[in-house]
Amino acid sequence: YTVQQWANMTGTHVDGLRFVVYGDV
């Protein structure tokens, strides 16, 4: 919200976030 733009998250300790999508093929 400070810079008001999308970016890839890079750098130290930027990992381990859990996102999940459930459904049926």
PDB file of all heavy atoms in Angstrom:
ATOM      1  N   TYR A   1       0.821  -1.211   0.000  1.00  0.00           N
ATOM      2  CA  TYR A   1       0.000   0.000   0.000  1.00  0.00           C
ATOM      3  C   TYR A   1       0.858   1.265   0.000  1.00  0.00           C
ATOM      4  O   TYR A   1       0.385   2.342  -0.367  1.00  0.00           O
ATOM      5  CB  TYR A   1      -0.935   0.003   1.208  1.00  0.00           C
ATOM      6  CG  TYR A   1      -2.141  -0.896   1.027  1.00  0.00           C
ATOM      7  CD1 TYR A   1      -2.286  -2.063   1.774  1.00  0.00           C
ATOM      8  CD2 TYR A   1      -3.133  -0.574   0.098  1.00  0.00           C
ATOM      9  CE1 TYR A   1      -3.381  -2.890   1.599  1.00  0.00           C
ATOM     10  CE2 TYR A   1      -4.233  -1.399  -0.081  1.00  0.00           C
ATOM     11  CZ  TYR A   1      -4.352  -2.556   0.674  1.00  0.00           C
ATOM     12  OH  TYR A   1      -5.433  -3.378   0.495  1.00  0.00           O
ATOM     13  N   THR A   2       2.122   1.156   0.393  1.00  0.00           N
ATOM     14  CA  THR A   2       2.994   2.333   0.413  1.00  0.00           C
ATOM     15  C   THR A   2       3.397   2.751  -0.998  1.00  0.00           C
ATOM     16  O   THR A   2       3.326   3.933  -1.357  1.00  0.00           O
ATOM     17  CB  THR A   2       4.264   2.056   1.233  1.00  0.00           C
ATOM     18  OG1 THR A   2       3.898   1.668   2.556  1.00  0.00           O
ATOM     19  CG2 THR A   2       5.150   3.291   1.295  1.00  0.00           C
ATOM     20  N   VAL A   3       3.788   1.780  -1.822  1.00  0.00           N
ATOM     21  CA  VAL A   3       4.251   2.103  -3.188  1.00  0.00           C
ATOM     22  C   VAL A   3       3.144   1.960  -4.221  1.00  0.00           C
ATOM     23  O   VAL A   3       3.317   2.359  -5.369  1.00  0.00           O
ATOM     24  CB  VAL A   3       5.456   1.227  -3.567  1.00  0.00           C
ATOM     25  CG1 VAL A   3       6.621   1.505  -2.644  1.00  0.00           C
ATOM     26  CG2 VAL A   3       5.092  -0.252  -3.524  1.00  0.00           C
ATOM     27  N   GLN A   4       2.014   1.327  -3.838  1.00  0.00           N
ATOM     28  CA  GLN A   4       0.845   1.216  -4.708  1.00  0.00           C
ATOM     29  C   GLN A   4       1.149   0.507  -6.030  1.00  0.00           C
ATOM     30  O   GLN A   4       0.800   0.987  -7.113  1.00  0.00           O
ATOM     31  CB  GLN A   4       0.266   2.608  -4.991  1.00  0.00           C
ATOM     32  CG  GLN A   4      -0.327   3.298  -3.780  1.00  0.00           C
ATOM     33  CD  GLN A   4      -1.666   2.691  -3.362  1.00  0.00           C
ATOM     34  OE1 GLN A   4      -2.620   2.663  -4.140  1.00  0.00           O
ATOM     35  NE2 GLN A   4      -1.743   2.211  -2.134  1.00  0.00           N
ATOM     36  N   GLN A   5       1.807  -0.657  -5.944  1.00  0.00           N
ATOM     37  CA  GLN A   5       2.029  -1.453  -7.147  1.00  0.00           C
ATOM     38  C   GLN A   5       2.298  -2.907  -6.772  1.00  0.00           C
ATOM     39  O   GLN A   5       2.703  -3.206  -5.648  1.00  0.00           O
ATOM     40  CB  GLN A   5       3.195  -0.906  -7.964  1.00  0.00           C
ATOM     41  CG  GLN A   5       4.549  -1.014  -7.285  1.00  0.00           C
ATOM     42  CD  GLN A   5       5.659  -0.439  -8.137  1.00  0.00           C
ATOM     43  OE1 GLN A   5       5.431   0.362  -9.038  1.00  0.00           O
ATOM     44  NE2 GLN A   5       6.891  -0.852  -7.869  1.00  0.00           N
ATOM     45  N   TRP A   6       2.034  -3.801  -7.750  1.00  0.00           N
ATOM     46  CA  TRP A   6       2.334  -5.216  -7.565  1.00  0.00           C
ATOM     47  C   TRP A   6       3.814  -5.461  -7.802  1.00  0.00           C
ATOM     48  O   TRP A   6       4.436  -4.815  -8.656  1.00  0.00           O
ATOM     49  CB  TRP A   6       1.522  -6.063  -8.545  1.00  0.00           C
ATOM     50  CG  TRP A   6       0.075  -6.162  -8.224  1.00  0.00           C
ATOM     51  CD1 TRP A   6      -0.959  -5.519  -8.860  1.00  0.00           C
ATOM     52  CD2 TRP A   6      -0.516  -6.973  -7.206  1.00  0.00           C
ATOM     53  NE1 TRP A   6      -2.156  -5.871  -8.287  1.00  0.00           N
ATOM     54  CE2 TRP A   6      -1.917  -6.768  -7.271  1.00  0.00           C
ATOM     55  CE3 TRP A   6      -0.013  -7.841  -6.239  1.00  0.00           C
ATOM     56  CZ2 TRP A   6      -2.802  -7.397  -6.413  1.00  0.00           C
ATOM     57  CZ3 TRP A   6      -0.897  -8.472  -5.374  1.00  0.00           C
ATOM     58  CH2 TRP A   6      -2.276  -8.249  -5.471  1.00  0.00           C
ATOM     59  N   ALA A   7       4.381  -6.427  -7.068  1.00  0.00           N
ATOM     60  CA  ALA A   7       5.780  -6.799  -7.252  1.00  0.00           C
ATOM     61  C   ALA A   7       5.978  -8.252  -6.847  1.00  0.00           C
ATOM     62  O   ALA A   7       5.202  -8.809  -6.055  1.00  0.00           O
ATOM     63  CB  ALA A   7       6.691  -5.891  -6.426  1.00  0.00           C
ATOM     64  N   ASN A   8       7.022  -8.868  -7.410  1.00  0.00           N
ATOM     65  CA  ASN A   8       7.429 -10.181  -6.927  1.00  0.00           C
ATOM     66  C   ASN A   8       8.110 -10.013  -5.579  1.00  0.00           C
ATOM     67  O   ASN A   8       8.878  -9.067  -5.374  1.00  0.00           O
ATOM     68  CB  ASN A   8       8.414 -10.834  -7.909  1.00  0.00           C
ATOM     69  CG  ASN A   8       7.747 -11.243  -9.198  1.00  0.00           C
ATOM     70  OD1 ASN A   8       6.696 -11.873  -9.188  1.00  0.00           O
ATOM     71  ND2 ASN A   8       8.358 -10.898 -10.324  1.00  0.00           N
ATOM     72  N   MET A   9       7.833 -10.936  -4.675  1.00  0.00           N
ATOM     73  CA  MET A   9       8.442 -10.886  -3.355  1.00  0.00           C
ATOM     74  C   MET A   9       9.778 -11.610  -3.411  1.00  0.00           C
ATOM     75  O   MET A   9       9.842 -12.810  -3.622  1.00  0.00           O
ATOM     76  CB  MET A   9       7.525 -11.521  -2.314  1.00  0.00           C
ATOM     77  CG  MET A   9       6.212 -10.787  -2.141  1.00  0.00           C
ATOM     78  SD  MET A   9       5.098 -11.639  -1.005  1.00  0.00           S
ATOM     79  CE  MET A   9       6.045 -11.570   0.513  1.00  0.00           C
ATOM     80  N   THR A  10      10.853 -10.862  -3.222  1.00  0.00           N
ATOM     81  CA  THR A  10      12.191 -11.436  -3.238  1.00  0.00           C
ATOM     82  C   THR A  10      12.955 -10.950  -2.019  1.00  0.00           C
ATOM     83  O   THR A  10      12.583  -9.960  -1.383  1.00  0.00           O
ATOM     84  CB  THR A  10      12.957 -11.032  -4.507  1.00  0.00           C
ATOM     85  OG1 THR A  10      13.021  -9.596  -4.574  1.00  0.00           O
ATOM     86  CG2 THR A  10      12.273 -11.560  -5.756  1.00  0.00           C
ATOM     87  N   GLY A  11      14.014 -11.655  -1.690  1.00  0.00           N
ATOM     88  CA  GLY A  11      14.826 -11.259  -0.550  1.00  0.00           C
ATOM     89  C   GLY A  11      14.837 -12.328   0.521  1.00  0.00           C
ATOM     90  O   GLY A  11      14.257 -13.406   0.382  1.00  0.00           O
ATOM     91  N   THR A  12      15.487 -12.008   1.616  1.00  0.00           N
ATOM     92  CA  THR A  12      15.665 -12.953   2.714  1.00  0.00           C
ATOM     93  C   THR A  12      14.359 -13.215   3.441  1.00  0.00           C
ATOM     94  O   THR A  12      13.594 -12.287   3.728  1.00  0.00           O
ATOM     95  CB  THR A  12      16.705 -12.403   3.714  1.00  0.00           C
ATOM     96  OG1 THR A  12      17.897 -12.076   2.997  1.00  0.00           O
ATOM     97  CG2 THR A  12      17.019 -13.432   4.794  1.00  0.00           C
ATOM     98  N   HIS A  13      14.089 -14.477   3.734  1.00  0.00           N
ATOM     99  CA  HIS A  13      12.946 -14.905   4.550  1.00  0.00           C
ATOM    100  C   HIS A  13      11.588 -14.638   3.895  1.00  0.00           C
ATOM    101  O   HIS A  13      10.574 -14.603   4.583  1.00  0.00           O
ATOM    102  CB  HIS A  13      12.978 -14.238   5.932  1.00  0.00           C
ATOM    103  CG  HIS A  13      14.242 -14.487   6.685  1.00  0.00           C
ATOM    104  ND1 HIS A  13      14.750 -15.747   6.884  1.00  0.00           N
ATOM    105  CD2 HIS A  13      15.117 -13.623   7.279  1.00  0.00           C
ATOM    106  CE1 HIS A  13      15.871 -15.664   7.584  1.00  0.00           C
ATOM    107  NE2 HIS A  13      16.123 -14.386   7.826  1.00  0.00           N
ATOM    108  N   VAL A  14      11.544 -14.404   2.574  1.00  0.00           N
ATOM    109  CA  VAL A  14      10.260 -14.233   1.900  1.00  0.00           C
ATOM    110  C   VAL A  14       9.873 -15.582   1.300  1.00  0.00           C
ATOM    111  O   VAL A  14      10.014 -15.818   0.094  1.00  0.00           O
ATOM    112  CB  VAL A  14      10.333 -13.132   0.828  1.00  0.00           C
ATOM    113  CG1 VAL A  14       8.948 -12.930   0.201  1.00  0.00           C
ATOM    114  CG2 VAL A  14      10.819 -11.837   1.436  1.00  0.00           C
ATOM    115  N   ASP A  15       9.448 -16.471   2.154  1.00  0.00           N
ATOM    116  CA  ASP A  15       9.029 -17.787   1.704  1.00  0.00           C
ATOM    117  C   ASP A  15       8.117 -18.388   2.769  1.00  0.00           C
ATOM    118  O   ASP A  15       7.844 -17.774   3.803  1.00  0.00           O
ATOM    119  CB  ASP A  15      10.238 -18.702   1.442  1.00  0.00           C
ATOM    120  CG  ASP A  15      11.180 -18.798   2.647  1.00  0.00           C
ATOM    121  OD1 ASP A  15      10.771 -18.400   3.756  1.00  0.00           O
ATOM    122  OD2 ASP A  15      12.310 -19.269   2.484  1.00  0.00           O
ATOM    123  N   GLY A  16       7.616 -19.576   2.483  1.00  0.00           N
ATOM    124  CA  GLY A  16       6.820 -20.285   3.473  1.00  0.00           C
ATOM    125  C   GLY A  16       5.390 -19.822   3.634  1.00  0.00           C
ATOM    126  O   GLY A  16       4.734 -20.183   4.609  1.00  0.00           O
ATOM    127  N   LEU A  17       4.870 -19.042   2.688  1.00  0.00           N
ATOM    128  CA  LEU A  17       3.460 -18.646   2.748  1.00  0.00           C
ATOM    129  C   LEU A  17       2.620 -19.762   2.127  1.00  0.00           C
ATOM    130  O   LEU A  17       2.969 -20.303   1.086  1.00  0.00           O
ATOM    131  CB  LEU A  17       3.230 -17.336   1.996  1.00  0.00           C
ATOM    132  CG  LEU A  17       4.051 -16.131   2.460  1.00  0.00           C
ATOM    133  CD1 LEU A  17       3.742 -14.922   1.587  1.00  0.00           C
ATOM    134  CD2 LEU A  17       3.782 -15.820   3.929  1.00  0.00           C
ATOM    135  N   ARG A  18       1.498 -20.081   2.760  1.00  0.00           N
ATOM    136  CA  ARG A  18       0.683 -21.201   2.268  1.00  0.00           C
ATOM    137  C   ARG A  18      -0.602 -20.684   1.640  1.00  0.00           C
ATOM    138  O   ARG A  18      -1.439 -20.063   2.313  1.00  0.00           O
ATOM    139  CB  ARG A  18       0.376 -22.170   3.405  1.00  0.00           C
ATOM    140  CG  ARG A  18      -0.510 -23.349   2.994  1.00  0.00           C
ATOM    141  CD  ARG A  18      -0.525 -24.429   4.061  1.00  0.00           C
ATOM    142  NE  ARG A  18      -1.616 -25.367   3.922  1.00  0.00           N
ATOM    143  CZ  ARG A  18      -1.624 -26.408   3.088  1.00  0.00           C
ATOM    144  NH1 ARG A  18      -0.573 -26.624   2.308  1.00  0.00           N
ATOM    145  NH2 ARG A  18      -2.657 -27.232   3.043  1.00  0.00           N
ATOM    146  N   PHE A  19      -0.766 -20.961   0.331  1.00  0.00           N
ATOM    147  CA  PHE A  19      -1.983 -20.690  -0.431  1.00  0.00           C
ATOM    148  C   PHE A  19      -2.476 -22.020  -0.986  1.00  0.00           C
ATOM    149  O   PHE A  19      -1.676 -22.801  -1.510  1.00  0.00           O
ATOM    150  CB  PHE A  19      -1.703 -19.746  -1.592  1.00  0.00           C
ATOM    151  CG  PHE A  19      -1.261 -18.357  -1.211  1.00  0.00           C
ATOM    152  CD1 PHE A  19       0.051 -18.119  -0.832  1.00  0.00           C
ATOM    153  CD2 PHE A  19      -2.146 -17.296  -1.257  1.00  0.00           C
ATOM    154  CE1 PHE A  19       0.478 -16.840  -0.497  1.00  0.00           C
ATOM    155  CE2 PHE A  19      -1.744 -16.010  -0.924  1.00  0.00           C
ATOM    156  CZ  PHE A  19      -0.424 -15.782  -0.546  1.00  0.00           C
ATOM    157  N   VAL A  20      -3.789 -22.250  -0.927  1.00  0.00           N
ATOM    158  CA  VAL A  20      -4.339 -23.517  -1.398  1.00  0.00           C
ATOM    159  C   VAL A  20      -5.611 -23.263  -2.213  1.00  0.00           C
ATOM    160  O   VAL A  20      -6.427 -22.407  -1.846  1.00  0.00           O
ATOM    161  CB  VAL A  20      -4.683 -24.472  -0.230  1.00  0.00           C
ATOM    162  CG1 VAL A  20      -5.046 -25.858  -0.760  1.00  0.00           C
ATOM    163  CG2 VAL A  20      -3.527 -24.577   0.754  1.00  0.00           C
ATOM    164  N   VAL A  21      -5.761 -24.004  -3.314  1.00  0.00           N
ATOM    165  CA  VAL A  21      -6.989 -23.985  -4.114  1.00  0.00           C
ATOM    166  C   VAL A  21      -7.546 -25.406  -4.122  1.00  0.00           C
ATOM    167  O   VAL A  21      -6.830 -26.355  -4.454  1.00  0.00           O
ATOM    168  CB  VAL A  21      -6.719 -23.513  -5.553  1.00  0.00           C
ATOM    169  CG1 VAL A  21      -8.013 -23.531  -6.375  1.00  0.00           C
ATOM    170  CG2 VAL A  21      -6.107 -22.114  -5.559  1.00  0.00           C
ATOM    171  N   TYR A  22      -8.809 -25.555  -3.746  1.00  0.00           N
ATOM    172  CA  TYR A  22      -9.478 -26.857  -3.723  1.00  0.00           C
ATOM    173  C   TYR A  22     -10.535 -26.915  -4.818  1.00  0.00           C
ATOM    174  O   TYR A  22     -11.171 -25.898  -5.129  1.00  0.00           O
ATOM    175  CB  TYR A  22     -10.183 -27.088  -2.384  1.00  0.00           C
ATOM    176  CG  TYR A  22      -9.289 -27.055  -1.175  1.00  0.00           C
ATOM    177  CD1 TYR A  22      -9.072 -25.867  -0.479  1.00  0.00           C
ATOM    178  CD2 TYR A  22      -8.673 -28.216  -0.706  1.00  0.00           C
ATOM    179  CE1 TYR A  22      -8.260 -25.834   0.645  1.00  0.00           C
ATOM    180  CE2 TYR A  22      -7.862 -28.192   0.417  1.00  0.00           C
ATOM    181  CZ  TYR A  22      -7.667 -26.997   1.092  1.00  0.00           C
ATOM    182  OH  TYR A  22      -6.864 -26.966   2.204  1.00  0.00           O
ATOM    183  N   GLY A  23     -10.739 -28.104  -5.379  1.00  0.00           N
ATOM    184  CA  GLY A  23     -11.792 -28.231  -6.380  1.00  0.00           C
ATOM    185  C   GLY A  23     -11.800 -29.573  -7.063  1.00  0.00           C
ATOM    186  O   GLY A  23     -11.159 -30.529  -6.617  1.00  0.00           O
ATOM    187  N   ASP A  24     -12.520 -29.635  -8.179  1.00  0.00           N
ATOM    188  CA  ASP A  24     -12.670 -30.853  -8.964  1.00  0.00           C
ATOM    189  C   ASP A  24     -12.189 -30.601 -10.383  1.00  0.00           C
ATOM    190  O   ASP A  24     -12.574 -29.602 -11.008  1.00  0.00           O
ATOM    191  CB  ASP A  24     -14.140 -31.293  -9.028  1.00  0.00           C
ATOM    192  CG  ASP A  24     -14.718 -31.574  -7.659  1.00  0.00           C
ATOM    193  OD1 ASP A  24     -13.999 -32.163  -6.838  1.00  0.00           O
ATOM    194  OD2 ASP A  24     -15.883 -31.206  -7.419  1.00  0.00           O
ATOM    195  N   VAL A  25     -11.362 -31.493 -10.891  1.00  0.00           N
ATOM    196  CA  VAL A  25     -10.994 -31.441 -12.299  1.00  0.00           C
ATOM    197  C   VAL A  25     -12.207 -31.843 -13.133  1.00  0.00           C
ATOM    198  O   VAL A  25     -12.898 -32.810 -12.816  1.00  0.00           O
ATOM    199  CB  VAL A  25      -9.812 -32.382 -12.582  1.00  0.00           C
ATOM    200  CG1 VAL A  25      -9.515 -32.455 -14.077  1.00  0.00           C
ATOM    201  CG2 VAL A  25      -8.573 -31.915 -11.821  1.00  0.00           C
TER     202      VAL A  25
END
